Amino acid sequence: MFIDMPPGTGDVPLTVFQFLVIDGIIIATSPQEPVSKIVSKAEKMAEMINIPVIHLVENMSYFKCPDNGKEYKIFGESHIDEFAEKRNLKVLAKLPIDPKISVACDKGMIELFDGDWFDNISKILEN
């Protein structure tokens, strides 16, 4: 089961961690530097209550321009690979900013969205 929670270390994650049996968590982040501090706090909180951080996902990693195909780092250069390496974690995906994702979410049809960012995730999580 996957549970999408708000960022940070507030009451929601603490409640979930206390009342559900959790095998591990995947932390979602974004390229901005202050976010890595929040991720570090979430990682420390999980560690304190013996829940392993399994992997990382970076959201809003880039924007791929439909006119020229170039990728633009709207929120600056990513540091997730260095962050993951220091903590011996894998980066599962780097998700783009894509208006089509928002449309699919708004229509309640995200599961039908055709994106290849998570193609290998099931294999990684099984291992």
N, C-alpha and C. Protein backbone atom coordinates (compact mmCIF):
# COMPACT_ATOMS: atom_id res chain seq x y z
N MET A 1 0.84 -1.16 0.00
CA MET A 1 0.00 0.00 0.00
C MET A 1 0.90 1.23 0.00
N PHE A 2 0.53 2.22 -0.78
CA PHE A 2 1.24 3.49 -0.81
C PHE A 2 0.36 4.55 -0.15
N ILE A 3 0.95 5.38 0.68
CA ILE A 3 0.24 6.47 1.33
C ILE A 3 0.98 7.76 0.97
N ASP A 4 0.28 8.66 0.33
CA ASP A 4 0.86 9.95 -0.03
C ASP A 4 0.58 10.92 1.10
N MET A 5 1.64 11.44 1.70
CA MET A 5 1.47 12.33 2.85
C MET A 5 2.04 13.71 2.54
N PRO A 6 1.60 14.71 3.28
CA PRO A 6 2.17 16.05 3.09
C PRO A 6 3.64 16.05 3.49
N PRO A 7 4.39 17.00 2.95
CA PRO A 7 5.81 17.05 3.27
C PRO A 7 6.04 17.44 4.73
N GLY A 8 7.21 17.09 5.20
CA GLY A 8 7.60 17.51 6.53
C GLY A 8 7.48 16.41 7.57
N THR A 9 7.54 16.83 8.81
CA THR A 9 7.59 15.88 9.92
C THR A 9 6.49 16.16 10.93
N GLY A 10 5.34 16.56 10.45
CA GLY A 10 4.24 16.94 11.33
C GLY A 10 3.44 15.77 11.85
N ASP A 11 2.22 16.06 12.24
CA ASP A 11 1.35 15.08 12.86
C ASP A 11 0.94 13.94 11.93
N VAL A 12 0.74 14.24 10.65
CA VAL A 12 0.26 13.20 9.73
C VAL A 12 1.26 12.05 9.61
N PRO A 13 2.54 12.32 9.28
CA PRO A 13 3.47 11.20 9.20
C PRO A 13 3.64 10.48 10.54
N LEU A 14 3.70 11.23 11.63
CA LEU A 14 3.86 10.59 12.94
C LEU A 14 2.70 9.65 13.24
N THR A 15 1.49 10.08 12.95
CA THR A 15 0.32 9.24 13.19
C THR A 15 0.36 7.99 12.32
N VAL A 16 0.67 8.16 11.05
CA VAL A 16 0.75 7.01 10.15
C VAL A 16 1.83 6.04 10.62
N PHE A 17 2.99 6.57 10.96
CA PHE A 17 4.10 5.72 11.41
C PHE A 17 3.76 4.96 12.69
N GLN A 18 2.95 5.55 13.55
CA GLN A 18 2.63 4.92 14.83
C GLN A 18 1.53 3.87 14.71
N PHE A 19 0.62 4.03 13.75
CA PHE A 19 -0.55 3.16 13.73
C PHE A 19 -0.57 2.14 12.60
N LEU A 20 0.37 2.21 11.68
CA LEU A 20 0.44 1.24 10.60
C LEU A 20 1.79 0.54 10.63
N VAL A 21 1.80 -0.70 10.19
CA VAL A 21 3.06 -1.41 10.04
C VAL A 21 3.67 -0.96 8.72
N ILE A 22 4.83 -0.34 8.80
CA ILE A 22 5.46 0.26 7.63
C ILE A 22 6.75 -0.49 7.33
N ASP A 23 6.87 -1.00 6.10
CA ASP A 23 8.10 -1.68 5.68
C ASP A 23 9.19 -0.68 5.33
N GLY A 24 8.78 0.50 4.88
CA GLY A 24 9.75 1.51 4.51
C GLY A 24 9.04 2.68 3.85
N ILE A 25 9.78 3.77 3.66
CA ILE A 25 9.20 4.93 3.03
C ILE A 25 10.02 5.35 1.82
N ILE A 26 9.34 5.96 0.89
CA ILE A 26 9.97 6.60 -0.26
C ILE A 26 9.72 8.09 -0.07
N ILE A 27 10.79 8.85 -0.06
CA ILE A 27 10.66 10.29 0.17
C ILE A 27 10.68 11.01 -1.17
N ALA A 28 9.68 11.85 -1.36
CA ALA A 28 9.61 12.69 -2.56
C ALA A 28 10.18 14.05 -2.22
N THR A 29 10.94 14.59 -3.14
CA THR A 29 11.58 15.88 -2.93
C THR A 29 11.52 16.69 -4.22
N SER A 30 12.11 17.84 -4.21
CA SER A 30 12.22 18.66 -5.41
C SER A 30 13.62 19.28 -5.41
N PRO A 31 14.03 19.88 -6.52
CA PRO A 31 15.42 20.34 -6.64
C PRO A 31 15.84 21.51 -5.74
N GLN A 32 14.91 22.25 -5.19
CA GLN A 32 15.30 23.42 -4.39
C GLN A 32 16.13 23.01 -3.18
N GLU A 33 17.12 23.81 -2.86
CA GLU A 33 18.03 23.51 -1.75
C GLU A 33 17.33 23.40 -0.40
N PRO A 34 16.40 24.29 -0.04
CA PRO A 34 15.75 24.15 1.28
C PRO A 34 15.01 22.83 1.44
N VAL A 35 14.60 22.24 0.34
CA VAL A 35 13.86 20.98 0.42
C VAL A 35 14.73 19.87 0.99
N SER A 36 16.03 19.89 0.67
CA SER A 36 16.90 18.83 1.19
C SER A 36 16.95 18.85 2.71
N LYS A 37 16.77 20.02 3.31
CA LYS A 37 16.73 20.10 4.78
C LYS A 37 15.47 19.42 5.31
N ILE A 38 14.35 19.61 4.63
CA ILE A 38 13.10 18.97 5.03
C ILE A 38 13.21 17.46 4.87
N VAL A 39 13.82 17.03 3.76
CA VAL A 39 14.00 15.60 3.52
C VAL A 39 14.90 15.00 4.60
N SER A 40 15.94 15.72 4.98
CA SER A 40 16.83 15.24 6.04
C SER A 40 16.07 15.06 7.35
N LYS A 41 15.18 15.99 7.66
CA LYS A 41 14.38 15.88 8.88
C LYS A 41 13.46 14.66 8.81
N ALA A 42 12.82 14.47 7.66
CA ALA A 42 11.93 13.31 7.50
C ALA A 42 12.72 12.01 7.62
N GLU A 43 13.91 12.01 7.06
CA GLU A 43 14.76 10.82 7.14
C GLU A 43 15.14 10.53 8.59
N LYS A 44 15.50 11.56 9.33
CA LYS A 44 15.88 11.39 10.74
C LYS A 44 14.69 10.93 11.58
N MET A 45 13.50 11.47 11.29
CA MET A 45 12.31 11.05 12.02
C MET A 45 12.04 9.56 11.78
N ALA A 46 12.12 9.15 10.52
CA ALA A 46 11.90 7.74 10.20
C ALA A 46 12.93 6.85 10.88
N GLU A 47 14.16 7.30 10.90
CA GLU A 47 15.23 6.54 11.54
C GLU A 47 14.97 6.40 13.04
N MET A 48 14.49 7.47 13.67
CA MET A 48 14.23 7.44 15.11
C MET A 48 13.17 6.41 15.49
N ILE A 49 12.23 6.16 14.59
CA ILE A 49 11.18 5.18 14.90
C ILE A 49 11.36 3.90 14.08
N ASN A 50 12.60 3.68 13.64
CA ASN A 50 13.00 2.42 12.99
C ASN A 50 12.23 2.08 11.73
N ILE A 51 11.99 3.08 10.89
CA ILE A 51 11.38 2.85 9.59
C ILE A 51 12.41 3.20 8.53
N PRO A 52 12.80 2.23 7.72
CA PRO A 52 13.85 2.53 6.73
C PRO A 52 13.36 3.42 5.60
N VAL A 53 14.24 4.31 5.17
CA VAL A 53 14.00 5.08 3.96
C VAL A 53 14.51 4.21 2.82
N ILE A 54 13.61 3.84 1.93
CA ILE A 54 13.97 2.90 0.87
C ILE A 54 14.61 3.62 -0.31
N HIS A 55 13.95 4.64 -0.80
CA HIS A 55 14.42 5.33 -2.00
C HIS A 55 13.92 6.78 -1.99
N LEU A 56 14.36 7.51 -3.02
CA LEU A 56 13.96 8.91 -3.21
C LEU A 56 13.34 9.09 -4.59
N VAL A 57 12.44 10.06 -4.69
CA VAL A 57 11.86 10.48 -5.96
C VAL A 57 11.96 12.00 -6.01
N GLU A 58 12.40 12.53 -7.14
CA GLU A 58 12.46 13.98 -7.28
C GLU A 58 11.32 14.45 -8.17
N ASN A 59 10.49 15.30 -7.63
CA ASN A 59 9.35 15.87 -8.35
C ASN A 59 9.77 17.23 -8.91
N MET A 60 9.16 17.63 -10.00
CA MET A 60 9.44 18.93 -10.63
C MET A 60 10.92 19.08 -10.98
N SER A 61 11.51 18.01 -11.42
CA SER A 61 12.94 17.97 -11.70
C SER A 61 13.33 18.84 -12.89
N TYR A 62 12.47 18.87 -13.89
CA TYR A 62 12.77 19.64 -15.10
C TYR A 62 11.48 19.87 -15.88
N PHE A 63 11.55 20.72 -16.86
CA PHE A 63 10.45 20.94 -17.80
C PHE A 63 10.99 20.66 -19.19
N LYS A 64 10.33 19.78 -19.90
CA LYS A 64 10.74 19.47 -21.27
C LYS A 64 9.87 20.29 -22.21
N CYS A 65 10.50 21.23 -22.93
CA CYS A 65 9.78 22.14 -23.80
C CYS A 65 9.20 21.38 -25.00
N PRO A 66 7.89 21.49 -25.21
CA PRO A 66 7.29 20.78 -26.33
C PRO A 66 7.70 21.36 -27.69
N ASP A 67 8.19 22.60 -27.71
CA ASP A 67 8.57 23.23 -28.98
C ASP A 67 9.94 22.79 -29.48
N ASN A 68 10.90 22.62 -28.53
CA ASN A 68 12.25 22.28 -28.99
C ASN A 68 12.82 21.01 -28.36
N GLY A 69 12.08 20.39 -27.43
CA GLY A 69 12.54 19.14 -26.81
C GLY A 69 13.62 19.31 -25.76
N LYS A 70 14.05 20.54 -25.50
CA LYS A 70 15.09 20.76 -24.50
C LYS A 70 14.52 20.67 -23.10
N GLU A 71 15.37 20.22 -22.18
CA GLU A 71 14.98 20.16 -20.78
C GLU A 71 15.51 21.40 -20.05
N TYR A 72 14.63 22.05 -19.31
CA TYR A 72 14.98 23.24 -18.54
C TYR A 72 14.82 22.95 -17.06
N LYS A 73 15.80 23.32 -16.28
CA LYS A 73 15.80 23.12 -14.83
C LYS A 73 15.22 24.36 -14.17
N ILE A 74 13.92 24.43 -14.13
CA ILE A 74 13.21 25.62 -13.64
C ILE A 74 13.56 25.93 -12.18
N PHE A 75 13.72 24.90 -11.37
CA PHE A 75 14.01 25.11 -9.95
C PHE A 75 15.50 24.96 -9.64
N GLY A 76 16.34 25.03 -10.64
CA GLY A 76 17.78 24.93 -10.44
C GLY A 76 18.28 23.50 -10.60
N GLU A 77 19.58 23.39 -10.52
CA GLU A 77 20.20 22.08 -10.67
C GLU A 77 19.83 21.16 -9.52
N SER A 78 19.63 19.93 -9.86
CA SER A 78 19.28 18.92 -8.87
C SER A 78 20.52 18.49 -8.07
N HIS A 79 20.29 18.21 -6.80
CA HIS A 79 21.35 17.67 -5.94
C HIS A 79 20.94 16.33 -5.36
N ILE A 80 19.89 15.74 -5.93
CA ILE A 80 19.35 14.51 -5.35
C ILE A 80 20.33 13.34 -5.46
N ASP A 81 21.11 13.30 -6.54
CA ASP A 81 22.04 12.18 -6.69
C ASP A 81 23.12 12.20 -5.60
N GLU A 82 23.65 13.39 -5.30
CA GLU A 82 24.65 13.50 -4.23
C GLU A 82 24.02 13.20 -2.88
N PHE A 83 22.82 13.71 -2.67
CA PHE A 83 22.08 13.46 -1.43
C PHE A 83 21.87 11.96 -1.24
N ALA A 84 21.43 11.29 -2.31
CA ALA A 84 21.17 9.85 -2.24
C ALA A 84 22.46 9.07 -2.01
N GLU A 85 23.51 9.45 -2.69
CA GLU A 85 24.78 8.74 -2.55
C GLU A 85 25.31 8.81 -1.12
N LYS A 86 25.21 9.98 -0.49
CA LYS A 86 25.68 10.14 0.88
C LYS A 86 24.92 9.23 1.85
N ARG A 87 23.68 8.92 1.50
CA ARG A 87 22.83 8.13 2.39
C ARG A 87 22.64 6.70 1.91
N ASN A 88 23.36 6.33 0.87
CA ASN A 88 23.28 4.98 0.30
C ASN A 88 21.84 4.64 -0.13
N LEU A 89 21.20 5.60 -0.80
CA LEU A 89 19.84 5.42 -1.30
C LEU A 89 19.84 5.47 -2.82
N LYS A 90 18.79 4.96 -3.42
CA LYS A 90 18.61 5.05 -4.86
C LYS A 90 17.60 6.14 -5.18
N VAL A 91 17.78 6.75 -6.33
CA VAL A 91 16.79 7.69 -6.86
C VAL A 91 15.91 6.90 -7.82
N LEU A 92 14.65 6.72 -7.45
CA LEU A 92 13.74 5.94 -8.29
C LEU A 92 13.36 6.65 -9.57
N ALA A 93 13.15 7.95 -9.48
CA ALA A 93 12.71 8.70 -10.66
C ALA A 93 12.95 10.18 -10.46
N LYS A 94 13.08 10.86 -11.58
CA LYS A 94 13.12 12.32 -11.61
C LYS A 94 11.96 12.74 -12.51
N LEU A 95 10.91 13.21 -11.87
CA LEU A 95 9.68 13.52 -12.58
C LEU A 95 9.69 14.94 -13.14
N PRO A 96 9.22 15.10 -14.37
CA PRO A 96 9.20 16.44 -14.96
C PRO A 96 7.98 17.24 -14.52
N ILE A 97 8.04 18.52 -14.78
CA ILE A 97 6.85 19.35 -14.70
C ILE A 97 6.14 19.13 -16.03
N ASP A 98 4.95 18.59 -15.98
CA ASP A 98 4.22 18.28 -17.21
C ASP A 98 2.75 18.61 -16.99
N PRO A 99 2.22 19.59 -17.69
CA PRO A 99 0.82 19.97 -17.51
C PRO A 99 -0.13 18.80 -17.76
N LYS A 100 0.26 17.84 -18.56
CA LYS A 100 -0.61 16.68 -18.83
C LYS A 100 -0.81 15.84 -17.56
N ILE A 101 0.19 15.82 -16.68
CA ILE A 101 0.05 15.09 -15.42
C ILE A 101 -1.04 15.75 -14.57
N SER A 102 -1.03 17.08 -14.51
CA SER A 102 -2.05 17.80 -13.75
C SER A 102 -3.44 17.54 -14.29
N VAL A 103 -3.57 17.55 -15.60
CA VAL A 103 -4.86 17.29 -16.22
C VAL A 103 -5.34 15.89 -15.88
N ALA A 104 -4.44 14.91 -15.97
CA ALA A 104 -4.82 13.52 -15.65
C ALA A 104 -5.24 13.40 -14.19
N CYS A 105 -4.52 14.08 -13.29
CA CYS A 105 -4.89 14.05 -11.86
C CYS A 105 -6.25 14.69 -11.65
N ASP A 106 -6.47 15.85 -12.26
CA ASP A 106 -7.74 16.55 -12.10
C ASP A 106 -8.92 15.74 -12.60
N LYS A 107 -8.69 14.92 -13.62
CA LYS A 107 -9.76 14.09 -14.17
C LYS A 107 -9.90 12.76 -13.43
N GLY A 108 -9.03 12.53 -12.44
CA GLY A 108 -9.07 11.26 -11.72
C GLY A 108 -8.61 10.10 -12.57
N MET A 109 -7.71 10.38 -13.51
CA MET A 109 -7.27 9.34 -14.44
C MET A 109 -5.75 9.24 -14.51
N ILE A 110 -5.07 9.53 -13.42
CA ILE A 110 -3.61 9.51 -13.44
C ILE A 110 -3.07 8.12 -13.77
N GLU A 111 -3.80 7.08 -13.38
CA GLU A 111 -3.32 5.73 -13.67
C GLU A 111 -3.27 5.44 -15.17
N LEU A 112 -3.97 6.24 -15.98
CA LEU A 112 -3.95 6.05 -17.43
C LEU A 112 -2.90 6.93 -18.11
N PHE A 113 -2.20 7.76 -17.33
CA PHE A 113 -1.19 8.64 -17.90
C PHE A 113 -0.03 7.83 -18.46
N ASP A 114 0.39 8.17 -19.65
CA ASP A 114 1.46 7.42 -20.30
C ASP A 114 2.80 8.12 -20.08
N GLY A 115 3.48 7.73 -19.02
CA GLY A 115 4.81 8.24 -18.73
C GLY A 115 5.69 7.06 -18.34
N ASP A 116 6.96 7.11 -18.69
CA ASP A 116 7.83 5.96 -18.45
C ASP A 116 8.74 6.11 -17.24
N TRP A 117 8.50 7.11 -16.39
CA TRP A 117 9.41 7.38 -15.28
C TRP A 117 9.45 6.28 -14.25
N PHE A 118 8.39 5.54 -14.12
CA PHE A 118 8.32 4.49 -13.09
C PHE A 118 8.37 3.07 -13.65
N ASP A 119 8.82 2.93 -14.88
CA ASP A 119 8.81 1.61 -15.50
C ASP A 119 9.56 0.54 -14.70
N ASN A 120 10.66 0.89 -14.08
CA ASN A 120 11.47 -0.10 -13.38
C ASN A 120 11.20 -0.16 -11.87
N ILE A 121 10.28 0.64 -11.41
CA ILE A 121 10.07 0.74 -9.97
C ILE A 121 9.58 -0.57 -9.35
N SER A 122 8.66 -1.25 -10.00
CA SER A 122 8.15 -2.48 -9.40
C SER A 122 9.27 -3.50 -9.21
N LYS A 123 10.18 -3.59 -10.16
CA LYS A 123 11.31 -4.52 -10.02
C LYS A 123 12.22 -4.10 -8.87
N ILE A 124 12.47 -2.81 -8.76
CA ILE A 124 13.34 -2.31 -7.70
C ILE A 124 12.71 -2.57 -6.34
N LEU A 125 11.41 -2.30 -6.21
CA LEU A 125 10.75 -2.48 -4.92
C LEU A 125 10.63 -3.96 -4.54
N GLU A 126 10.47 -4.83 -5.51
CA GLU A 126 10.43 -6.26 -5.22
C GLU A 126 11.75 -6.74 -4.61
N ASN A 127 12.84 -6.19 -5.11
CA ASN A 127 14.16 -6.58 -4.60
C ASN A 127 14.39 -5.99 -3.22
